[in-house]
Amino acid sequence: MKVKQEFFGFNPIMWMGVVEDNNDPVKLGRLKVHIFGWHNGSPKEVDGEQGVKTEDLPWAQVMQPVNSGPNSGIGGPLTGIQQGTWVMGMFLDGEIAREPMVMGSIPGIPTEPNPNPKDGEPVEGFYDPDGVYPKPGMNWAMEEPDTNRLARNDNVKVHGDKADYAHTVIRRKYMNSMDTDMGGGVAFEEPVLKEWSDFKSKYPNNKVLETTSGHIFEVDDTPEFERIHIYHKNGSYIEMGGACGPGNRIDKVSGDWYQLAKRNFVQAVHGNIDVAAVHETHLTKTFTAVGSSIKLDAPMIYLKGVVELGDGGFRNGYNGSFVDINGSIIQVVNGVIKAKMGGA
């Protein structure tokens, strides 16, 4: 069988371009790339040269790293490159230039805002046609590297036209931190970074993955600030190390937290377990305290079921009365039950 000489291996052509569409209709992670030197820079005709619209670009396959290797749904994600990203690749069919393949992305430092409107027809090629990237306003700044702010940790304040490079997740944690009374009067303070300067991560030790909506995954190897951080855009997060200290972990949930186990749930704690909340505990089997006492300190203690008092004594010298579950009035003098009146 004779192989066409135009196919890859006989006359490959390398190129650079800008992604203008990442919504592959067959969901294979392909991209449409506006390629420098091959495509007109405008979607409209300029000086008699035909314009190139995004929809007219061919779909480019994307080469995956060896540690991804997606096959039958197994492997790493196929998506991740956003519109407006610079990429490099080759034409598998040489100068025919209808079989592009993306080999990798190229981060940069944007110097000009996107001229395309967010609503309306694009006016310029080699940019995100939807006008989203690079991010405008306080979320990003011109002449700012594409590297995530958490990975860079550039502690730059606002001075004139200089940008404040603090990441929004640090501000959000500080503004929404739990430093109030919990469970009706128990003081609690969430261990968060109070200032951007407390964020000790150093480039290039922090590996950061941030999604388009704001979910964040960090693996930070900065000496004496090592941490793992998983953050949900709604404010819930898990962090080991970092703000809560070496060897410590904090879980924060913005809504309800469900823990379900079909078998055993084991907790082994060498220190105290402090619970500050208005809560209910339902035990379906006998609860046993061995070698220790249980202290109940509340305005009212409600017990439902049969209460066995053992030797019938209250160790704290209680004086007064209470009503048991059958409606009987129990009289207690100096911690000893003296009388039982009424009830079923």
Protein backbone atom coordinates (compact mmCIF):
# COMPACT_ATOMS: atom_id res chain seq x y z
CA MET A 1 0.00 0.00 0.00
CA LYS A 2 1.36 3.38 -0.97
CA VAL A 3 1.17 6.08 1.69
CA LYS A 4 0.52 9.64 0.59
CA GLN A 5 3.63 11.75 0.89
CA GLU A 6 1.51 14.61 2.20
CA PHE A 7 0.69 12.65 5.35
CA PHE A 8 2.67 13.06 8.58
CA GLY A 9 6.23 11.86 8.45
CA PHE A 10 7.06 13.00 4.92
CA ASN A 11 6.42 16.73 5.01
CA PRO A 12 5.34 17.90 8.47
CA ILE A 13 4.77 21.63 9.00
CA MET A 14 4.95 23.22 12.45
CA TRP A 15 2.75 26.18 13.38
CA MET A 16 1.57 28.46 16.20
CA GLY A 17 -1.95 29.77 16.66
CA VAL A 18 -4.74 30.87 18.99
CA VAL A 19 -7.68 28.69 20.06
CA GLU A 20 -11.01 30.15 18.99
CA ASP A 21 -13.39 27.26 19.74
CA ASN A 22 -13.17 24.45 22.32
CA ASN A 23 -16.75 23.16 22.13
CA ASP A 24 -16.12 20.01 20.09
CA PRO A 25 -19.49 18.63 18.86
CA VAL A 26 -18.23 15.03 19.13
CA LYS A 27 -16.76 15.73 22.61
CA LEU A 28 -13.28 14.49 21.76
CA GLY A 29 -11.43 17.54 23.08
CA ARG A 30 -10.67 18.94 19.62
CA LEU A 31 -10.01 22.64 19.05
CA LYS A 32 -10.40 25.19 16.29
CA VAL A 33 -7.17 27.14 15.96
CA HIS A 34 -6.52 30.40 14.10
CA ILE A 35 -2.98 29.80 12.78
CA PHE A 36 -0.42 32.53 12.19
CA GLY A 37 0.81 32.74 8.61
CA TRP A 38 -1.97 30.52 7.30
CA HIS A 39 -5.15 32.34 8.25
CA ASN A 40 -6.16 35.94 7.76
CA GLY A 41 -6.16 37.92 11.00
CA SER A 42 -9.70 39.18 10.51
CA PRO A 43 -13.01 37.31 10.21
CA LYS A 44 -13.94 39.77 7.47
CA GLU A 45 -12.39 40.45 4.07
CA VAL A 46 -9.43 42.87 4.23
CA ASP A 47 -7.81 44.44 1.11
CA GLY A 48 -9.30 41.79 -1.10
CA GLU A 49 -8.05 38.96 1.10
CA GLN A 50 -10.78 36.63 2.26
CA GLY A 51 -11.49 36.65 6.01
CA VAL A 52 -11.45 33.51 8.13
CA LYS A 53 -14.37 32.93 10.47
CA THR A 54 -14.09 30.62 13.44
CA GLU A 55 -16.72 28.24 12.09
CA ASP A 56 -14.67 27.77 8.90
CA LEU A 57 -11.56 26.54 10.74
CA PRO A 58 -10.85 22.78 10.76
CA TRP A 59 -11.02 20.85 14.02
CA ALA A 60 -7.56 20.02 15.41
CA GLN A 61 -6.83 16.84 17.34
CA VAL A 62 -5.07 17.40 20.68
CA MET A 63 -2.04 15.34 21.66
CA GLN A 64 -2.31 14.06 25.26
CA PRO A 65 0.59 13.50 27.71
CA VAL A 66 1.68 9.92 28.36
CA ASN A 67 0.32 9.99 31.92
CA SER A 68 -3.15 10.77 30.59
CA GLY A 69 -3.78 8.36 27.71
CA PRO A 70 -7.61 8.46 27.62
CA ASN A 71 -9.13 5.22 26.36
CA SER A 72 -12.76 4.12 26.74
CA GLY A 73 -13.36 6.83 29.30
CA ILE A 74 -10.29 5.87 31.34
CA GLY A 75 -7.45 8.38 31.76
CA GLY A 76 -7.08 12.11 32.19
CA PRO A 77 -9.46 14.84 31.02
CA LEU A 78 -9.65 15.73 27.35
CA THR A 79 -10.64 19.33 27.98
CA GLY A 80 -8.86 22.23 29.66
CA ILE A 81 -7.59 24.62 26.99
CA GLN A 82 -9.69 27.78 26.91
CA GLN A 83 -10.50 30.01 23.97
CA GLY A 84 -7.80 32.62 23.48
CA THR A 85 -4.98 30.26 24.51
CA TRP A 86 -1.86 30.18 22.36
CA VAL A 87 -0.96 26.69 21.17
CA MET A 88 1.67 25.00 19.01
CA GLY A 89 1.20 22.07 16.67
CA MET A 90 1.72 20.60 13.22
CA PHE A 91 -0.19 19.79 10.06
CA LEU A 92 -0.38 16.03 9.66
CA ASP A 93 -1.09 16.48 5.94
CA GLY A 94 1.68 18.98 5.19
CA GLU A 95 0.82 21.99 3.03
CA ILE A 96 -2.73 20.76 2.47
CA ALA A 97 -3.21 22.12 6.00
CA ARG A 98 -6.56 20.49 6.77
CA GLU A 99 -5.36 18.03 9.45
CA PRO A 100 -3.93 20.13 12.31
CA MET A 101 -2.82 18.60 15.58
CA VAL A 102 -2.22 20.59 18.79
CA MET A 103 0.91 19.45 20.60
CA GLY A 104 0.90 21.86 23.53
CA SER A 105 -0.16 25.23 24.93
CA ILE A 106 1.99 28.34 25.36
CA PRO A 107 1.45 30.66 28.36
CA GLY A 108 2.21 34.32 27.92
CA ILE A 109 1.76 37.85 29.26
CA PRO A 110 -1.21 39.59 27.62
CA THR A 111 -0.47 43.20 26.76
CA GLU A 112 -3.76 44.20 25.12
CA PRO A 113 -7.39 43.56 26.06
CA ASN A 114 -9.60 41.40 23.89
CA PRO A 115 -11.15 43.61 21.15
CA ASN A 116 -14.09 41.22 20.63
CA PRO A 117 -17.34 42.03 22.43
CA LYS A 118 -18.90 39.53 24.82
CA ASP A 119 -22.21 39.93 23.03
CA GLY A 120 -22.06 40.27 19.28
CA GLU A 121 -20.01 39.27 16.27
CA PRO A 122 -16.21 39.06 16.72
CA VAL A 123 -14.23 41.81 14.99
CA GLU A 124 -10.70 40.43 15.28
CA GLY A 125 -9.08 37.03 14.83
CA PHE A 126 -6.37 35.47 17.01
CA TYR A 127 -8.45 36.29 20.11
CA ASP A 128 -11.20 34.56 22.05
CA PRO A 129 -14.20 35.27 19.78
CA ASP A 130 -16.52 35.38 22.82
CA GLY A 131 -14.54 38.23 24.39
CA VAL A 132 -13.96 36.43 27.72
CA TYR A 133 -10.20 35.83 27.77
CA PRO A 134 -7.96 37.37 28.88
CA LYS A 135 -10.04 38.18 31.97
CA PRO A 136 -10.90 41.87 32.33
CA GLY A 137 -11.08 44.10 35.40
CA MET A 138 -10.04 43.12 38.92
CA ASN A 139 -9.98 39.40 38.13
CA TRP A 140 -6.93 39.87 35.96
CA ALA A 141 -4.68 42.62 34.65
CA MET A 142 -2.84 43.42 31.47
CA GLU A 143 0.86 42.54 31.52
CA GLU A 144 0.12 39.84 34.12
CA PRO A 145 1.56 36.36 33.47
CA ASP A 146 -0.93 33.59 32.64
CA THR A 147 0.44 31.58 35.59
CA ASN A 148 -2.13 31.34 38.37
CA ARG A 149 -1.78 33.97 41.10
CA LEU A 150 -1.67 31.29 43.80
CA ALA A 151 1.30 29.68 42.06
CA ARG A 152 3.10 33.02 41.58
CA ASN A 153 2.30 34.72 44.90
CA ASP A 154 3.17 38.20 43.63
CA ASN A 155 2.39 40.41 46.61
CA VAL A 156 1.66 43.59 44.65
CA LYS A 157 -0.67 46.27 46.03
CA VAL A 158 -2.68 48.80 44.05
CA HIS A 159 -0.64 51.89 43.28
CA GLY A 160 -1.86 54.00 40.38
CA ASP A 161 -2.28 51.64 37.44
CA LYS A 162 -0.55 48.75 39.24
CA ALA A 163 -2.73 45.72 39.89
CA ASP A 164 -3.36 43.97 43.19
CA TYR A 165 -2.35 40.39 42.40
CA ALA A 166 -3.95 38.82 45.49
CA HIS A 167 -6.06 35.83 44.50
CA THR A 168 -9.80 36.11 45.08
CA VAL A 169 -9.88 32.86 47.10
CA ILE A 170 -7.73 34.46 49.83
CA ARG A 171 -10.06 37.45 50.06
CA ARG A 172 -13.13 35.19 50.02
CA LYS A 173 -11.83 33.02 52.86
CA TYR A 174 -11.05 36.08 54.96
CA MET A 175 -14.40 37.80 54.27
CA ASN A 176 -16.47 34.64 54.87
CA SER A 177 -14.47 33.07 57.69
CA MET A 178 -16.30 31.68 60.73
CA ASP A 179 -15.08 33.77 63.67
CA THR A 180 -18.28 33.98 65.65
CA ASP A 181 -20.16 32.14 68.38
CA MET A 182 -21.18 28.63 67.42
CA GLY A 183 -23.88 26.47 68.94
CA GLY A 184 -25.24 29.19 71.20
CA GLY A 185 -22.24 30.86 72.80
CA VAL A 186 -19.10 28.80 72.17
CA ALA A 187 -16.39 30.95 70.60
CA PHE A 188 -14.83 29.64 67.39
CA GLU A 189 -12.34 31.18 64.98
CA GLU A 190 -11.63 29.66 61.58
CA PRO A 191 -7.87 29.36 60.95
CA VAL A 192 -7.56 31.37 57.75
CA LEU A 193 -4.94 33.68 56.30
CA LYS A 194 -5.78 37.18 57.48
CA GLU A 195 -3.64 38.96 54.92
CA TRP A 196 -2.20 38.12 51.51
CA SER A 197 1.27 38.53 53.04
CA ASP A 198 0.55 35.48 55.23
CA PHE A 199 0.35 33.33 52.12
CA LYS A 200 3.93 31.95 52.11
CA SER A 201 3.83 29.91 48.91
CA LYS A 202 6.88 30.38 46.69
CA TYR A 203 7.16 29.97 42.93
CA PRO A 204 7.73 27.38 41.43
CA ASN A 205 6.80 25.09 44.36
CA ASN A 206 3.01 25.42 44.20
CA LYS A 207 1.20 23.40 41.53
CA VAL A 208 -2.23 24.94 40.93
CA LEU A 209 -5.19 23.81 38.83
CA GLU A 210 -8.08 26.29 38.67
CA THR A 211 -11.21 25.65 36.61
CA THR A 212 -13.26 28.21 34.71
CA SER A 213 -15.90 28.48 37.45
CA GLY A 214 -13.37 28.85 40.27
CA HIS A 215 -12.73 25.36 41.70
CA ILE A 216 -9.11 25.06 42.86
CA PHE A 217 -6.69 22.18 43.46
CA GLU A 218 -3.28 22.99 45.00
CA VAL A 219 -0.28 20.83 45.87
CA ASP A 220 2.25 23.12 47.52
CA ASP A 221 5.82 22.00 48.25
CA THR A 222 7.03 25.36 49.60
CA PRO A 223 9.44 24.61 52.49
CA GLU A 224 7.74 25.13 55.89
CA PHE A 225 4.43 25.92 54.13
CA GLU A 226 3.68 22.52 52.60
CA ARG A 227 -0.02 21.99 52.07
CA ILE A 228 -2.76 20.35 50.01
CA HIS A 229 -5.81 22.47 49.25
CA ILE A 230 -9.10 21.55 47.55
CA TYR A 231 -11.51 24.47 47.17
CA HIS A 232 -15.09 24.65 45.86
CA LYS A 233 -16.29 27.89 44.30
CA ASN A 234 -19.08 28.17 46.92
CA GLY A 235 -16.52 28.51 49.73
CA SER A 236 -16.29 24.91 50.96
CA TYR A 237 -12.75 23.57 51.17
CA ILE A 238 -10.33 21.05 52.65
CA GLU A 239 -6.83 22.20 53.53
CA MET A 240 -3.97 20.26 55.08
CA GLY A 241 -1.16 22.44 56.39
CA GLY A 242 -0.94 26.08 55.35
CA ALA A 243 -3.15 28.38 57.41
CA CYS A 244 -4.15 25.71 59.94
CA GLY A 245 -0.53 24.73 60.68
CA PRO A 246 1.81 21.81 59.85
CA GLY A 247 0.16 18.42 60.29
CA ASN A 248 -3.28 19.99 60.79
CA ARG A 249 -6.36 19.81 58.60
CA ILE A 250 -9.47 21.95 58.28
CA ASP A 251 -12.74 21.06 56.56
CA LYS A 252 -15.21 23.86 55.91
CA VAL A 253 -18.65 23.20 54.43
CA SER A 254 -20.80 26.10 53.29
CA GLY A 255 -23.97 24.01 53.42
CA ASP A 256 -24.93 20.63 54.89
CA TRP A 257 -22.31 17.92 55.46
CA TYR A 258 -23.34 14.27 55.08
CA GLN A 259 -21.19 11.36 56.24
CA LEU A 260 -22.58 7.96 55.29
CA ALA A 261 -20.99 4.58 55.92
CA LYS A 262 -22.50 1.18 55.11
CA ARG A 263 -20.20 -0.46 57.60
CA ASN A 264 -18.22 0.82 60.59
CA PHE A 265 -17.22 4.42 61.17
CA VAL A 266 -14.16 4.56 63.44
CA GLN A 267 -12.73 7.67 65.07
CA ALA A 268 -9.58 7.42 67.18
CA VAL A 269 -8.71 10.72 68.85
CA HIS A 270 -5.85 11.12 71.32
CA GLY A 271 -7.03 14.59 72.35
CA ASN A 272 -10.37 16.24 73.02
CA ILE A 273 -13.45 16.16 70.80
CA ASP A 274 -15.13 19.56 71.03
CA VAL A 275 -18.60 19.92 69.52
CA ALA A 276 -20.09 23.41 69.37
CA ALA A 277 -23.49 23.18 67.76
CA VAL A 278 -27.19 22.79 68.22
CA HIS A 279 -27.45 19.12 67.37
CA GLU A 280 -29.10 15.77 67.96
CA THR A 281 -27.35 12.43 68.37
CA HIS A 282 -29.26 9.21 67.62
CA LEU A 283 -27.67 6.00 68.92
CA THR A 284 -29.39 2.80 67.81
CA LYS A 285 -27.42 0.63 70.22
CA THR A 286 -26.09 0.87 73.75
CA PHE A 287 -23.62 3.66 74.45
CA THR A 288 -20.94 2.72 76.98
CA ALA A 289 -18.38 4.99 78.66
CA VAL A 290 -15.55 3.00 80.19
CA GLY A 291 -13.13 4.45 82.72
CA SER A 292 -14.40 8.01 82.44
CA SER A 293 -17.28 10.23 83.41
CA ILE A 294 -19.84 12.03 81.30
CA LYS A 295 -20.62 15.65 82.15
CA LEU A 296 -23.91 17.19 81.05
CA ASP A 297 -24.20 20.94 81.51
CA ALA A 298 -27.35 22.42 79.98
CA PRO A 299 -30.43 24.44 81.02
CA MET A 300 -32.57 21.35 80.37
CA ILE A 301 -31.67 17.71 79.88
CA TYR A 302 -34.32 15.61 78.13
CA LEU A 303 -34.07 11.82 78.38
CA LYS A 304 -36.42 9.56 76.45
CA GLY A 305 -36.60 5.90 77.40
CA VAL A 306 -35.93 3.84 80.51
CA VAL A 307 -33.38 5.50 82.78
CA GLU A 308 -31.45 3.25 85.15
CA LEU A 309 -29.57 5.11 87.87
CA GLY A 310 -27.40 2.27 89.12
CA ASP A 311 -26.81 2.91 92.84
CA GLY A 312 -29.38 5.71 92.67
CA GLY A 313 -26.92 8.47 93.47
CA PHE A 314 -26.11 11.78 91.81
CA ARG A 315 -22.40 12.39 92.37
CA ASN A 316 -22.55 16.16 92.24
CA GLY A 317 -24.85 16.55 95.27
CA TYR A 318 -27.84 17.69 93.25
CA ASN A 319 -30.91 18.95 95.10
CA GLY A 320 -34.28 19.36 93.42
CA SER A 321 -36.74 17.41 91.35
CA PHE A 322 -37.38 16.31 87.80
CA VAL A 323 -40.09 14.55 85.84
CA ASP A 324 -39.27 11.16 84.34
CA ILE A 325 -40.63 9.86 81.04
CA ASN A 326 -43.67 8.33 82.75
CA GLY A 327 -44.72 11.62 84.32
CA SER A 328 -43.49 10.78 87.83
CA ILE A 329 -41.89 13.53 89.91
CA ILE A 330 -38.51 12.42 91.23
CA GLN A 331 -37.29 14.18 94.37
CA VAL A 332 -33.50 14.35 94.85
CA VAL A 333 -31.78 15.44 98.07
CA ASN A 334 -28.01 15.84 98.11
CA GLY A 335 -27.69 13.65 95.06
CA VAL A 336 -29.85 10.80 96.39
CA ILE A 337 -33.34 9.94 95.10
CA LYS A 338 -35.71 10.24 98.06
CA ALA A 339 -39.18 10.00 96.57
CA LYS A 340 -41.15 9.13 93.48
CA MET A 341 -44.63 10.58 93.17
CA GLY A 342 -47.43 10.07 90.64
CA GLY A 343 -47.03 8.98 87.07
CA ALA A 344 -48.15 5.92 85.16
